[in-house]
N, C-alpha and C. Protein backbone atom coordinates (compact mmCIF):
# COMPACT_ATOMS: atom_id res chain seq x y z
N MET A 1 0.66 -1.28 0.11
CA MET A 1 0.15 0.13 -0.20
C MET A 1 0.70 1.13 -0.02
N ASN A 2 0.52 2.28 -0.53
CA ASN A 2 1.17 3.76 -0.44
C ASN A 2 0.48 4.64 -0.56
N GLU A 3 1.70 5.81 -0.19
CA GLU A 3 0.05 6.79 1.08
C GLU A 3 -0.47 7.14 -0.38
N LYS A 4 -0.73 7.35 -1.05
CA LYS A 4 -1.68 7.66 -2.20
C LYS A 4 -3.42 7.47 -0.98
N GLU A 5 -2.81 5.59 -1.61
CA GLU A 5 -3.88 4.50 -1.09
C GLU A 5 -3.95 4.40 0.30
N LEU A 6 -3.46 5.02 1.16
CA LEU A 6 -4.05 4.71 2.88
C LEU A 6 -4.56 5.62 3.12
N PHE A 7 -4.22 6.89 2.49
CA PHE A 7 -4.65 8.37 2.17
C PHE A 7 -6.51 8.06 1.45
N GLU A 8 -6.52 7.68 0.82
CA GLU A 8 -7.98 7.02 0.19
C GLU A 8 -8.30 5.98 0.85
N LEU A 9 -8.54 5.14 1.39
CA LEU A 9 -8.57 4.21 2.60
C LEU A 9 -9.11 4.92 3.49
N TYR A 10 -8.86 5.22 4.37
CA TYR A 10 -8.60 6.08 5.83
C TYR A 10 -9.34 8.04 5.87
N SER A 11 -9.20 9.09 4.95
CA SER A 11 -9.52 9.83 4.97
C SER A 11 -10.78 9.77 4.83
N ARG A 12 -11.75 9.25 4.53
CA ARG A 12 -13.29 9.73 5.43
C ARG A 12 -13.46 10.01 6.86
N ASP A 13 -12.46 8.33 7.45
CA ASP A 13 -12.54 8.76 8.33
C ASP A 13 -12.63 9.42 9.54
N VAL A 14 -10.82 9.55 9.40
CA VAL A 14 -10.62 10.97 9.91
C VAL A 14 -10.88 11.71 9.67
N TYR A 15 -11.25 12.56 8.64
CA TYR A 15 -12.14 13.36 8.25
C TYR A 15 -13.31 13.69 9.47
N ARG A 16 -14.12 12.72 9.10
CA ARG A 16 -15.60 12.21 10.17
C ARG A 16 -14.87 12.60 11.40
N THR A 17 -13.80 11.58 11.39
CA THR A 17 -13.72 11.51 13.32
C THR A 17 -13.18 13.53 13.63
N CYS A 18 -12.72 13.89 12.98
CA CYS A 18 -12.34 15.29 13.30
C CYS A 18 -12.97 16.26 12.97
N TYR A 19 -14.36 16.43 12.29
CA TYR A 19 -15.83 17.21 12.74
C TYR A 19 -16.30 17.44 13.44
N TYR A 20 -16.80 15.65 13.92
CA TYR A 20 -17.58 15.33 15.06
C TYR A 20 -17.07 16.26 16.29
N MET A 21 -15.94 15.51 16.52
CA MET A 21 -14.80 16.32 17.62
C MET A 21 -14.98 18.21 17.39
N LEU A 22 -15.16 18.72 16.51
CA LEU A 22 -14.16 19.81 16.16
C LEU A 22 -15.39 20.80 15.94
N HIS A 23 -16.70 20.19 15.26
CA HIS A 23 -17.52 20.72 14.93
C HIS A 23 -17.36 22.55 13.66
N HIS A 24 -16.29 21.92 13.14
CA HIS A 24 -16.14 23.30 12.08
C HIS A 24 -14.71 22.67 11.15
N ALA A 25 -16.10 22.42 9.80
CA ALA A 25 -15.33 21.87 8.63
C ALA A 25 -13.84 22.01 8.39
N GLN A 26 -14.10 23.50 8.34
CA GLN A 26 -11.99 23.78 8.03
C GLN A 26 -11.42 23.46 8.89
N ASP A 27 -11.68 23.77 9.80
CA ASP A 27 -10.77 23.09 11.07
C ASP A 27 -10.37 21.51 11.16
N ALA A 28 -12.03 20.94 10.82
CA ALA A 28 -11.35 19.82 10.58
C ALA A 28 -10.21 19.84 9.36
N GLU A 29 -11.02 19.42 8.55
CA GLU A 29 -9.44 19.90 7.23
C GLU A 29 -8.59 19.45 8.13
N ASP A 30 -8.63 20.73 8.35
CA ASP A 30 -6.54 20.95 8.30
C ASP A 30 -6.39 19.82 9.60
N VAL A 31 -7.32 19.24 10.55
CA VAL A 31 -6.45 18.99 11.75
C VAL A 31 -6.35 17.55 10.96
N CYS A 32 -6.99 17.13 9.99
CA CYS A 32 -7.33 15.73 8.73
C CYS A 32 -6.02 16.26 8.19
N HIS A 33 -5.57 16.93 7.81
CA HIS A 33 -4.31 17.18 7.00
C HIS A 33 -3.07 16.55 7.79
N ASP A 34 -2.80 17.92 9.73
CA ASP A 34 -2.07 16.86 10.07
C ASP A 34 -1.87 15.93 10.52
N VAL A 35 -3.18 15.11 10.55
CA VAL A 35 -3.17 13.50 11.17
C VAL A 35 -2.36 13.09 9.81
N PHE A 36 -2.50 12.69 8.49
CA PHE A 36 -1.57 12.40 6.99
C PHE A 36 -0.21 13.00 7.73
N VAL A 37 0.00 14.13 7.89
CA VAL A 37 1.15 14.85 7.91
C VAL A 37 1.99 13.42 9.09
N THR A 38 1.41 13.82 9.92
CA THR A 38 1.85 12.60 10.90
C THR A 38 3.07 11.59 10.76
N VAL A 39 1.25 10.63 10.52
CA VAL A 39 1.54 9.61 9.82
C VAL A 39 2.53 8.73 8.91
N PHE A 40 2.34 10.29 7.76
CA PHE A 40 3.74 10.16 6.79
C PHE A 40 5.03 10.34 7.01
N ARG A 41 5.45 10.25 8.10
CA ARG A 41 6.55 10.85 8.36
C ARG A 41 7.32 10.19 9.41
N GLN A 42 5.69 8.54 9.89
CA GLN A 42 5.97 8.08 10.91
C GLN A 42 6.81 6.86 9.27
N ASP A 43 7.06 5.96 9.89
CA ASP A 43 7.12 4.48 9.61
C ASP A 43 5.78 3.71 9.25
N TRP A 44 4.50 3.80 8.95
CA TRP A 44 3.12 3.47 9.09
C TRP A 44 3.57 2.25 8.62
N ARG A 45 3.73 1.51 7.42
CA ARG A 45 3.73 0.39 6.31
C ARG A 45 4.73 -0.87 8.05
N LYS A 46 4.53 -0.45 8.69
CA LYS A 46 5.07 -1.38 9.97
C LYS A 46 4.01 -1.55 10.93
N VAL A 47 2.99 -1.44 11.05
CA VAL A 47 1.50 -0.68 11.89
C VAL A 47 0.93 -2.34 11.22
N GLU A 48 0.72 -2.65 12.84
CA GLU A 48 -0.25 -3.68 12.67
C GLU A 48 -1.34 -3.68 12.18
N HIS A 49 -2.23 -2.64 13.00
CA HIS A 49 -3.73 -2.81 12.50
C HIS A 49 -3.73 -0.45 13.28
N MET A 50 -4.25 -0.35 11.75
CA MET A 50 -3.63 0.86 11.28
C MET A 50 -4.74 1.81 11.62
N LYS A 51 -6.20 1.43 11.44
CA LYS A 51 -7.50 1.69 11.13
C LYS A 51 -7.26 2.00 12.87
N THR A 52 -6.82 1.67 14.28
CA THR A 52 -6.87 2.21 15.05
C THR A 52 -5.64 2.56 15.70
N TRP A 53 -4.69 2.69 14.84
CA TRP A 53 -3.69 3.42 14.87
C TRP A 53 -3.93 4.92 14.50
N LEU A 54 -4.32 5.29 13.23
CA LEU A 54 -4.85 6.21 13.15
C LEU A 54 -5.70 7.12 13.65
N MET A 55 -6.47 6.13 14.19
CA MET A 55 -7.81 6.70 15.07
C MET A 55 -7.40 7.81 16.69
N LYS A 56 -6.03 6.84 17.24
CA LYS A 56 -5.14 7.46 17.87
C LYS A 56 -4.97 8.75 17.71
N ILE A 57 -4.18 8.54 16.78
CA ILE A 57 -3.10 10.02 15.99
C ILE A 57 -4.04 10.70 16.00
N THR A 58 -6.11 10.60 15.01
CA THR A 58 -6.69 11.54 15.13
C THR A 58 -7.34 12.50 16.17
N VAL A 59 -7.81 11.74 17.40
CA VAL A 59 -7.85 11.76 17.94
C VAL A 59 -6.99 12.56 19.14
N ASN A 60 -5.72 12.44 19.66
CA ASN A 60 -4.75 13.14 19.66
C ASN A 60 -4.58 14.49 19.08
N HIS A 61 -4.38 14.49 17.73
CA HIS A 61 -4.78 15.99 17.20
C HIS A 61 -6.12 16.65 17.71
N CYS A 62 -6.76 16.31 17.75
CA CYS A 62 -8.48 16.94 17.94
C CYS A 62 -7.81 17.16 19.37
N LEU A 63 -7.29 16.81 20.21
CA LEU A 63 -7.45 17.36 21.80
C LEU A 63 -7.16 18.54 21.46
N ASN A 64 -5.88 18.13 20.95
CA ASN A 64 -4.62 19.04 21.45
C ASN A 64 -4.93 20.30 20.69
N PHE A 65 -5.77 20.40 19.47
CA PHE A 65 -6.30 21.31 18.24
C PHE A 65 -7.19 21.76 19.45
N MET A 66 -7.99 21.63 20.06
CA MET A 66 -9.18 21.90 21.18
C MET A 66 -8.90 22.87 22.14
N LYS A 67 -7.85 22.16 22.70
CA LYS A 67 -6.84 22.42 24.01
C LYS A 67 -5.89 24.21 23.07
N ARG A 68 -5.38 23.59 22.26
CA ARG A 68 -5.01 25.91 21.59
C ARG A 68 -5.76 26.60 21.27
N GLU A 69 -7.12 26.03 20.71
CA GLU A 69 -8.10 26.66 20.88
C GLU A 69 -8.80 28.02 21.94
N ARG A 70 -9.00 26.94 22.80
CA ARG A 70 -9.53 27.49 24.31
C ARG A 70 -8.19 27.95 25.29
N ALA A 71 -6.99 27.65 24.39
CA ALA A 71 -6.33 29.14 25.09
C ALA A 71 -5.75 29.56 24.18
N SER A 72 -5.96 30.50 23.55
CA SER A 72 -6.00 31.54 22.90
C SER A 72 -7.03 32.61 22.43
N LYS A 73 -8.09 31.95 22.68
CA LYS A 73 -9.76 32.40 22.39
C LYS A 73 -10.93 31.45 22.68
N GLN A 74 -11.92 32.12 23.11
CA GLN A 74 -13.16 31.91 22.97
C GLN A 74 -13.64 31.54 22.22
N ARG A 75 -13.83 30.66 21.12
CA ARG A 75 -14.45 30.54 19.89
C ARG A 75 -15.96 29.89 19.87
N GLU A 76 -17.10 30.78 19.81
CA GLU A 76 -18.49 30.71 19.02
C GLU A 76 -19.19 29.33 18.65
N LYS A 77 -19.13 28.56 19.65
CA LYS A 77 -19.83 26.77 19.73
C LYS A 77 -21.08 27.04 17.95
N LYS A 78 -20.45 26.66 17.07
CA LYS A 78 -21.02 26.40 16.14
C LYS A 78 -22.30 24.37 16.07
N GLN A 79 -22.95 24.61 15.38
CA GLN A 79 -23.77 23.62 15.33
C GLN A 79 -23.15 22.42 13.95
N PHE A 80 -23.52 21.66 14.00
CA PHE A 80 -23.06 20.21 12.82
C PHE A 80 -23.89 20.04 12.57
N MET A 81 -24.64 20.28 11.12
CA MET A 81 -25.87 18.73 10.96
C MET A 81 -25.14 17.89 10.01
N LEU A 82 -25.67 16.81 10.25
CA LEU A 82 -25.62 15.48 9.21
C LEU A 82 -26.63 16.14 8.42
N THR A 83 -26.55 15.77 7.25
CA THR A 83 -27.66 15.91 6.18
C THR A 83 -28.25 14.85 5.44
N PRO A 84 -28.80 13.84 6.60
CA PRO A 84 -29.62 12.36 6.20
C PRO A 84 -30.43 12.48 4.78
N GLN A 85 -30.54 11.51 4.76
CA GLN A 85 -31.41 10.98 3.04
C GLN A 85 -32.19 10.66 3.69
N ARG A 86 -33.02 11.88 2.68
CA ARG A 86 -34.49 12.56 2.98
C ARG A 86 -35.73 11.58 1.60
N THR A 87 -36.63 11.04 1.76
CA THR A 87 -38.12 11.06 1.28
C THR A 87 -38.37 12.25 0.64
N ALA A 88 -39.93 12.09 0.10
CA ALA A 88 -40.73 13.30 0.47
C ALA A 88 -41.44 12.54 0.79
N GLU A 89 -41.10 13.68 2.81
CA GLU A 89 -41.70 13.60 4.12
C GLU A 89 -42.64 15.87 3.89
N PRO A 90 -43.29 15.65 4.44
CA PRO A 90 -44.65 16.59 4.61
C PRO A 90 -42.96 18.03 5.25
N VAL A 91 -43.42 18.64 5.62
CA VAL A 91 -41.92 20.14 5.78
C VAL A 91 -42.01 19.98 7.61
N ASP A 92 -43.16 19.91 7.71
CA ASP A 92 -43.09 19.99 9.33
C ASP A 92 -42.49 18.87 10.65
N THR A 93 -42.75 17.63 10.01
CA THR A 93 -41.88 16.02 9.99
C THR A 93 -40.62 17.05 9.46
N ILE A 94 -39.98 17.26 8.79
CA ILE A 94 -38.37 17.48 8.31
C ILE A 94 -38.23 18.48 9.37
N VAL A 95 -38.97 19.40 9.57
CA VAL A 95 -38.22 20.45 10.64
C VAL A 95 -38.74 19.39 12.39
N GLU A 96 -39.64 19.25 13.26
CA GLU A 96 -39.07 18.95 13.97
C GLU A 96 -37.68 17.53 13.90
N HIS A 97 -37.41 16.63 12.87
CA HIS A 97 -36.50 16.07 12.69
C HIS A 97 -35.62 16.65 12.87
N GLU A 98 -35.25 17.78 11.96
CA GLU A 98 -34.00 18.84 12.64
C GLU A 98 -33.79 19.27 13.85
N GLU A 99 -34.97 19.69 13.55
CA GLU A 99 -34.61 20.00 15.80
C GLU A 99 -34.20 19.31 16.66
N GLU A 100 -34.85 18.04 16.40
CA GLU A 100 -34.76 17.35 16.99
C GLU A 100 -32.88 16.70 16.85
N GLN A 101 -32.33 16.60 15.57
CA GLN A 101 -30.98 16.24 15.56
C GLN A 101 -30.79 16.93 16.02
N GLU A 102 -30.54 18.77 15.61
CA GLU A 102 -30.04 19.83 15.98
C GLU A 102 -29.94 19.36 18.02
N ARG A 103 -30.51 19.32 18.99
CA ARG A 103 -30.60 19.24 19.66
C ARG A 103 -29.97 17.71 19.81
N TRP A 104 -30.10 17.43 19.89
CA TRP A 104 -29.46 16.07 20.35
C TRP A 104 -27.68 16.19 19.79
N GLN A 105 -27.16 16.87 18.73
CA GLN A 105 -25.87 17.26 18.24
C GLN A 105 -26.50 18.09 19.69
N GLN A 106 -26.49 19.57 20.12
CA GLN A 106 -25.59 20.10 20.46
C GLN A 106 -25.61 19.10 21.89
N TRP A 107 -26.86 18.63 22.87
CA TRP A 107 -26.96 17.57 23.68
C TRP A 107 -24.81 16.87 24.20
N VAL A 108 -25.37 16.28 23.04
CA VAL A 108 -23.41 15.44 22.86
C VAL A 108 -22.22 16.95 22.29
N GLN A 109 -22.94 17.79 22.58
CA GLN A 109 -21.73 18.90 22.30
C GLN A 109 -20.73 19.34 23.37
N GLU A 110 -22.14 19.76 24.57
CA GLU A 110 -21.83 20.28 25.68
C GLU A 110 -20.95 19.13 27.01
N LEU A 111 -21.21 17.64 26.38
CA LEU A 111 -21.13 16.62 27.29
C LEU A 111 -19.05 17.31 27.20
N PRO A 112 -18.77 16.50 27.84
CA PRO A 112 -16.93 16.59 28.45
C PRO A 112 -16.09 16.39 27.52
N GLU A 113 -14.98 16.59 27.23
CA GLU A 113 -14.16 16.24 26.11
C GLU A 113 -13.73 15.14 26.79
N LYS A 114 -13.28 14.35 27.30
CA LYS A 114 -13.17 12.91 27.00
C LYS A 114 -14.31 12.26 27.68
N ILE A 115 -15.48 12.82 28.14
CA ILE A 115 -16.62 11.95 27.43
C ILE A 115 -17.15 11.55 25.67
N ARG A 116 -17.22 12.86 25.81
CA ARG A 116 -18.06 13.27 24.33
C ARG A 116 -16.83 12.13 22.76
N ALA A 117 -15.52 12.01 23.33
CA ALA A 117 -14.29 12.20 22.22
C ALA A 117 -14.47 10.34 22.59
N ALA A 118 -14.65 9.71 23.91
CA ALA A 118 -15.57 8.05 23.97
C ALA A 118 -16.58 7.99 22.89
N MET A 119 -17.70 8.67 22.91
CA MET A 119 -19.04 8.50 22.47
C MET A 119 -18.78 8.28 21.38
N LEU A 120 -17.92 9.22 20.73
CA LEU A 120 -18.19 9.66 19.42
C LEU A 120 -17.59 8.42 18.74
N LEU A 121 -16.49 7.85 19.32
CA LEU A 121 -15.69 6.64 18.71
C LEU A 121 -16.39 6.14 18.41
N ARG A 122 -17.20 5.33 20.15
CA ARG A 122 -17.94 4.59 20.11
C ARG A 122 -19.27 4.36 18.64
N TYR A 123 -20.01 5.55 19.18
CA TYR A 123 -21.50 5.11 17.78
C TYR A 123 -21.11 6.09 16.70
N MET A 124 -20.30 7.22 16.80
CA MET A 124 -19.94 7.83 15.34
C MET A 124 -19.23 6.73 14.36
N ASN A 125 -18.63 6.41 14.84
CA ASN A 125 -16.91 5.21 13.77
C ASN A 125 -17.15 3.96 14.86
N GLU A 126 -18.03 3.77 15.18
CA GLU A 126 -18.44 2.21 15.59
C GLU A 126 -17.38 1.29 16.33
N LEU A 127 -16.46 1.50 16.71
CA LEU A 127 -14.90 0.97 17.03
C LEU A 127 -15.29 0.29 18.39
N SER A 128 -15.23 -0.56 18.37
CA SER A 128 -15.01 -1.29 19.62
C SER A 128 -14.69 -0.84 20.99
N LEU A 129 -15.24 -1.55 22.63
CA LEU A 129 -14.10 -0.66 23.02
C LEU A 129 -13.18 -0.77 23.43
N ALA A 130 -12.56 -2.00 22.89
CA ALA A 130 -10.65 -2.63 23.26
C ALA A 130 -9.82 -1.30 21.83
N GLU A 131 -11.04 -1.61 21.26
CA GLU A 131 -9.90 0.30 19.88
C GLU A 131 -9.73 1.15 21.06
N ILE A 132 -11.14 1.81 21.49
CA ILE A 132 -11.26 3.00 21.61
C ILE A 132 -10.09 3.15 22.83
N ALA A 133 -10.13 2.38 23.95
CA ALA A 133 -9.66 1.94 25.34
C ALA A 133 -8.01 2.41 24.75
N GLU A 134 -7.44 1.44 23.42
CA GLU A 134 -6.09 1.81 23.01
C GLU A 134 -5.72 2.72 21.99
N ILE A 135 -7.09 4.00 21.42
CA ILE A 135 -6.61 5.20 20.58
C ILE A 135 -7.25 6.11 21.94
N LEU A 136 -7.81 5.69 23.11
CA LEU A 136 -7.19 7.30 24.04
C LEU A 136 -6.32 6.05 25.13
N ASP A 137 -5.87 5.76 24.88
CA ASP A 137 -4.55 5.37 25.77
C ASP A 137 -5.69 5.18 27.61
N ILE A 138 -6.59 4.31 27.38
CA ILE A 138 -7.18 4.80 28.98
C ILE A 138 -7.48 2.65 28.86
N PRO A 139 -7.68 2.38 30.16
CA PRO A 139 -8.13 1.26 30.06
C PRO A 139 -9.98 1.06 30.06
N LEU A 140 -9.80 -0.39 29.73
CA LEU A 140 -10.87 -0.66 29.11
C LEU A 140 -12.46 -0.21 30.28
N GLY A 141 -11.90 -0.22 31.84
CA GLY A 141 -13.34 0.13 32.66
C GLY A 141 -13.45 1.56 32.18
N THR A 142 -12.27 2.43 32.06
CA THR A 142 -12.75 4.09 31.76
C THR A 142 -13.71 3.61 30.73
N VAL A 143 -13.85 3.41 29.69
CA VAL A 143 -13.25 2.93 28.63
C VAL A 143 -15.88 3.33 28.46
N LYS A 144 -15.16 2.07 29.24
CA LYS A 144 -17.29 1.45 29.56
C LYS A 144 -17.47 3.02 30.29
N SER A 145 -17.26 2.78 31.65
CA SER A 145 -17.14 3.91 32.98
C SER A 145 -17.90 5.12 31.84
N ARG A 146 -17.03 5.85 31.20
CA ARG A 146 -17.21 7.45 29.95
C ARG A 146 -18.27 7.18 29.49
N ILE A 147 -18.62 6.23 28.52
CA ILE A 147 -19.41 5.65 27.80
C ILE A 147 -21.17 5.63 28.68
N TYR A 148 -20.83 5.02 29.95
CA TYR A 148 -21.70 4.89 30.60
C TYR A 148 -22.66 6.46 31.04
N LYS A 149 -21.55 7.09 31.11
CA LYS A 149 -21.46 8.34 31.79
C LYS A 149 -21.82 9.11 31.06
N GLY A 150 -21.70 9.01 29.83
CA GLY A 150 -22.26 10.41 28.42
C GLY A 150 -23.46 9.85 28.05
N LEU A 151 -24.18 8.39 28.26
CA LEU A 151 -25.97 8.03 28.32
C LEU A 151 -26.39 8.84 28.62
N ARG A 152 -25.86 8.42 30.52
CA ARG A 152 -26.10 8.65 31.38
C ARG A 152 -26.86 10.10 31.54
N LEU A 153 -26.18 11.01 31.64
CA LEU A 153 -26.12 12.52 30.78
C LEU A 153 -27.44 13.01 30.07
N LEU A 154 -26.92 12.80 28.77
CA LEU A 154 -27.63 12.34 27.57
C LEU A 154 -29.86 11.75 27.52
N LYS A 155 -29.43 10.65 28.94
CA LYS A 155 -30.75 10.33 28.76
C LYS A 155 -31.03 11.54 30.50
N LYS A 156 -30.77 12.38 31.34
CA LYS A 156 -31.17 13.17 31.93
C LYS A 156 -31.65 14.52 30.96
N ARG A 157 -30.65 14.26 30.02
CA ARG A 157 -31.27 15.32 30.24
C ARG A 157 -32.83 15.89 28.51
N TRP A 158 -32.53 14.47 28.20
CA TRP A 158 -33.26 14.36 27.53
C TRP A 158 -35.03 14.23 28.42
N GLU A 159 -35.04 13.37 29.15
CA GLU A 159 -36.16 13.27 30.14
C GLU A 159 -36.22 15.05 30.78
N LYS A 160 -35.16 15.66 31.12
CA LYS A 160 -35.43 16.68 32.15
C LYS A 160 -36.07 17.58 30.16
N THR A 161 -35.53 17.38 29.20
CA THR A 161 -36.47 18.77 28.35
C THR A 161 -38.11 17.42 28.06
N SER A 162 -38.18 16.59 28.12
CA SER A 162 -39.30 15.72 27.71
C SER A 162 -40.34 16.11 28.83
N LYS A 163 -40.17 15.88 29.61
CA LYS A 163 -41.37 17.06 30.66
C LYS A 163 -41.47 18.16 31.22
N GLN A 164 -40.29 19.41 30.07
CA GLN A 164 -40.69 20.44 30.04
C GLN A 164 -41.47 20.61 29.07
N GLN A 165 -41.33 19.91 27.78
CA GLN A 165 -42.16 20.04 26.99
C GLN A 165 -43.56 19.67 27.07
N GLN A 166 -43.62 18.43 27.54
CA GLN A 166 -45.15 18.13 28.37
C GLN A 166 -45.44 19.28 28.77
N LYS A 167 -45.25 20.04 30.12
CA LYS A 167 -45.65 20.82 31.01
C LYS A 167 -46.28 22.15 29.67
N GLY A 168 -45.41 22.36 28.79
CA GLY A 168 -46.09 23.60 28.06
C GLY A 168 -46.78 23.10 27.31
N GLU A 169 -47.07 21.70 26.87
CA GLU A 169 -48.10 21.24 25.81
C GLU A 169 -49.13 21.35 27.11
N MET A 170 -49.09 20.79 28.53
CA MET A 170 -50.30 20.39 29.06
C MET A 170 -50.60 22.63 28.91
N TYR A 171 -49.92 23.37 29.38
CA TYR A 171 -49.86 24.86 29.85
C TYR A 171 -51.04 24.97 28.16
N ASN A 172 -50.31 24.77 27.28
CA ASN A 172 -50.68 25.22 26.44
C ASN A 172 -52.23 24.91 26.05
N GLU A 173 -52.47 23.85 25.89
CA GLU A 173 -54.39 22.94 25.83
C GLU A 173 -55.00 24.55 26.81
N ALA A 174 -54.68 24.57 28.23
CA ALA A 174 -54.81 24.53 29.29
C ALA A 174 -55.52 26.20 28.45
N TYR A 175 -54.36 27.20 28.72
CA TYR A 175 -53.91 28.30 28.05
C TYR A 175 -55.38 28.70 26.49
N GLY A 176 -55.61 27.41 25.51
CA GLY A 176 -56.09 27.73 25.05
C GLY A 176 -57.31 27.03 25.10
N LYS A 177 -57.81 26.31 25.49
CA LYS A 177 -59.19 25.79 26.87
C LYS A 177 -59.69 27.14 27.13
N SER A 178 -59.19 27.95 27.74
CA SER A 178 -59.71 29.12 28.60
C SER A 178 -59.80 30.74 27.43
N VAL A 179 -58.98 30.75 26.90
CA VAL A 179 -59.41 31.94 25.03
C VAL A 179 -60.37 30.83 24.28
N ILE A 180 -60.75 30.55 24.13
CA ILE A 180 -61.91 29.73 23.31
C ILE A 180 -62.77 29.94 24.27
N SER A 181 -63.27 29.35 25.38
CA SER A 181 -64.64 29.85 26.37
C SER A 181 -64.85 30.96 26.66
N SER A 182 -63.56 31.94 26.92
CA SER A 182 -64.26 33.02 26.96
C SER A 182 -64.47 33.94 25.77
N SER A 183 -63.55 33.22 24.96
CA SER A 183 -64.55 34.38 23.53
C SER A 183 -65.65 33.46 22.74
N GLU A 184 -65.92 33.03 23.66
CA GLU A 184 -67.59 31.86 22.90
C GLU A 184 -68.24 32.51 24.54
N LYS A 185 -67.88 33.08 25.38
CA LYS A 185 -69.30 33.56 26.42
C LYS A 185 -69.94 34.69 25.20
């Protein structure tokens, strides 16, 4: 395998990981290129588990980039949205789906960095727990703990939002009925 083949084979995975961690397309491209420059400067042909090794380098580059960004300036958080393939759906269904997707993405973005990194590697890159442990250079139990904490935090956030929405709907129903009944009098 030559450098071009390696790049073609893994560049999408590396870019996707960078994009999910950094939430900014240009930053993701820059870090992705840095990752491959780093890889090509090393003796990559002797690496046994190429994808795991690449993901480890990618995550480390992303974490270093985030640290540098935080230190240099407070950056405005940017939303990211994957554009799913869509069939002809009513506009309100599409809007609801996009709002829900944005909400989940915002919640994931708000997770602590270490938890977010483990969650993204697990659920976006579909890596095994052992691969994540190797990439992040942490014990397997720590990976499990971070993923569990991440899922628990997301569940709490979802439950809190669901309760708030239910209260809002009940309020709107009650308010709507009182307006109707007062106008009918």
